[in-house]
């Protein structure tokens, strides 16, 4: 799903209850990861690139840390006898 979507679309796509989706969206909005726009009675949600960029920046050192370790694990498993 790309672009704006109402919560109902997320319910259908993710097989999560409406209250569950609403809770998740509330948390994501508070964290700055999604934006909401009113369209009449509906609320349309979309990812917030600013919040996502901040999240990716926070994850970057962890990704670098684990990338080398997972590569080492892969090498070890390839050398290990079957």
C-alpha atoms as a PDB file:
ATOM      1  CA  UNK A   1       0.000   0.000   0.000  1.00  0.00           C
ATOM      2  CA  UNK A   2       1.416   3.320  -1.057  1.00  0.00           C
ATOM      3  CA  UNK A   3      -0.071   6.756  -0.486  1.00  0.00           C
ATOM      4  CA  UNK A   4      -2.943   7.722   1.757  1.00  0.00           C
ATOM      5  CA  UNK A   5      -5.237   5.021   3.068  1.00  0.00           C
ATOM      6  CA  UNK A   6      -8.203   4.954   5.414  1.00  0.00           C
ATOM      7  CA  UNK A   7      -7.929   2.737   8.477  1.00  0.00           C
ATOM      8  CA  UNK A   8     -10.477   0.349   6.943  1.00  0.00           C
ATOM      9  CA  UNK A   9      -8.065  -0.501   4.124  1.00  0.00           C
ATOM     10  CA  UNK A  10      -5.463  -1.449   6.717  1.00  0.00           C
ATOM     11  CA  UNK A  11      -7.966  -3.638   8.560  1.00  0.00           C
ATOM     12  CA  UNK A  12      -8.705  -5.549   5.351  1.00  0.00           C
ATOM     13  CA  UNK A  13      -5.068  -5.847   4.264  1.00  0.00           C
ATOM     14  CA  UNK A  14      -3.619  -6.845   7.632  1.00  0.00           C
ATOM     15  CA  UNK A  15      -6.428  -8.941   9.128  1.00  0.00           C
ATOM     16  CA  UNK A  16      -6.258  -6.936  12.360  1.00  0.00           C
ATOM     17  CA  UNK A  17      -9.376  -5.663  14.124  1.00  0.00           C
ATOM     18  CA  UNK A  18     -10.502  -2.061  13.672  1.00  0.00           C
ATOM     19  CA  UNK A  19      -9.712  -1.231  17.330  1.00  0.00           C
ATOM     20  CA  UNK A  20      -6.277  -2.822  16.923  1.00  0.00           C
ATOM     21  CA  UNK A  21      -5.524  -0.770  13.806  1.00  0.00           C
ATOM     22  CA  UNK A  22      -6.750   2.386  15.543  1.00  0.00           C
ATOM     23  CA  UNK A  23      -4.407   1.755  18.500  1.00  0.00           C
ATOM     24  CA  UNK A  24      -1.455   1.154  16.190  1.00  0.00           C
ATOM     25  CA  UNK A  25      -2.181   4.272  14.136  1.00  0.00           C
ATOM     26  CA  UNK A  26      -2.494   6.378  17.293  1.00  0.00           C
ATOM     27  CA  UNK A  27       0.931   5.172  18.482  1.00  0.00           C
ATOM     28  CA  UNK A  28       2.519   5.636  15.049  1.00  0.00           C
ATOM     29  CA  UNK A  29       1.075   9.144  14.829  1.00  0.00           C
ATOM     30  CA  UNK A  30       2.377  10.051  18.311  1.00  0.00           C
ATOM     31  CA  UNK A  31       5.811   8.739  17.281  1.00  0.00           C
ATOM     32  CA  UNK A  32       5.765  10.934  14.164  1.00  0.00           C
ATOM     33  CA  UNK A  33       5.797   7.970  11.772  1.00  0.00           C
ATOM     34  CA  UNK A  34       2.404   8.612  10.151  1.00  0.00           C
ATOM     35  CA  UNK A  35       0.346  11.686   9.302  1.00  0.00           C
ATOM     36  CA  UNK A  36      -3.419  11.881   9.251  1.00  0.00           C
ATOM     37  CA  UNK A  37      -5.658  14.060   7.084  1.00  0.00           C
ATOM     38  CA  UNK A  38      -9.394  14.510   7.480  1.00  0.00           C
ATOM     39  CA  UNK A  39     -11.462  13.871   4.347  1.00  0.00           C
ATOM     40  CA  UNK A  40     -15.056  14.450   5.399  1.00  0.00           C
ATOM     41  CA  UNK A  41     -15.889  11.678   7.877  1.00  0.00           C
ATOM     42  CA  UNK A  42     -12.829   9.642   6.926  1.00  0.00           C
ATOM     43  CA  UNK A  43      -9.302   9.924   8.226  1.00  0.00           C
ATOM     44  CA  UNK A  44      -6.578   9.182   5.719  1.00  0.00           C
ATOM     45  CA  UNK A  45      -3.194   7.980   6.935  1.00  0.00           C
ATOM     46  CA  UNK A  46       0.182   8.072   5.234  1.00  0.00           C
ATOM     47  CA  UNK A  47       3.777   7.483   6.260  1.00  0.00           C
ATOM     48  CA  UNK A  48       5.599  10.625   7.358  1.00  0.00           C
ATOM     49  CA  UNK A  49       8.969  10.699   5.555  1.00  0.00           C
ATOM     50  CA  UNK A  50      10.485  12.930   8.240  1.00  0.00           C
ATOM     51  CA  UNK A  51       9.649  10.484  11.008  1.00  0.00           C
ATOM     52  CA  UNK A  52      10.745   7.538   8.889  1.00  0.00           C
ATOM     53  CA  UNK A  53      14.091   9.231   8.128  1.00  0.00           C
ATOM     54  CA  UNK A  54      14.651   9.754  11.852  1.00  0.00           C
ATOM     55  CA  UNK A  55      13.820   6.099  12.483  1.00  0.00           C
ATOM     56  CA  UNK A  56      16.204   4.913   9.734  1.00  0.00           C
ATOM     57  CA  UNK A  57      18.968   7.156  11.111  1.00  0.00           C
ATOM     58  CA  UNK A  58      18.483   5.649  14.563  1.00  0.00           C
ATOM     59  CA  UNK A  59      18.596   2.118  13.120  1.00  0.00           C
ATOM     60  CA  UNK A  60      21.706   2.675  10.951  1.00  0.00           C
ATOM     61  CA  UNK A  61      24.346   1.789  13.571  1.00  0.00           C
ATOM     62  CA  UNK A  62      22.384  -1.310  14.565  1.00  0.00           C
ATOM     63  CA  UNK A  63      22.116  -2.404  10.939  1.00  0.00           C
ATOM     64  CA  UNK A  64      25.875  -1.974  10.472  1.00  0.00           C
ATOM     65  CA  UNK A  65      26.551  -3.913  13.676  1.00  0.00           C
ATOM     66  CA  UNK A  66      24.325  -6.835  12.718  1.00  0.00           C
ATOM     67  CA  UNK A  67      25.266  -6.923   9.026  1.00  0.00           C
ATOM     68  CA  UNK A  68      28.843  -7.950   9.801  1.00  0.00           C
ATOM     69  CA  UNK A  69      27.771 -10.504  12.374  1.00  0.00           C
ATOM     70  CA  UNK A  70      25.155 -12.064  10.129  1.00  0.00           C
ATOM     71  CA  UNK A  71      27.711 -12.256   7.319  1.00  0.00           C
ATOM     72  CA  UNK A  72      30.113 -14.025   9.677  1.00  0.00           C
ATOM     73  CA  UNK A  73      27.357 -16.445  10.695  1.00  0.00           C
ATOM     74  CA  UNK A  74      26.548 -17.148   7.046  1.00  0.00           C
ATOM     75  CA  UNK A  75      30.236 -17.858   6.325  1.00  0.00           C
ATOM     76  CA  UNK A  76      30.454 -20.183   9.322  1.00  0.00           C
ATOM     77  CA  UNK A  77      27.310 -22.086   8.315  1.00  0.00           C
ATOM     78  CA  UNK A  78      28.548 -22.508   4.750  1.00  0.00           C
ATOM     79  CA  UNK A  79      31.827 -24.025   6.029  1.00  0.00           C
ATOM     80  CA  UNK A  80      30.142 -26.279   8.618  1.00  0.00           C
ATOM     81  CA  UNK A  81      29.602 -29.925   7.661  1.00  0.00           C
ATOM     82  CA  UNK A  82      26.038 -30.787   6.701  1.00  0.00           C
END
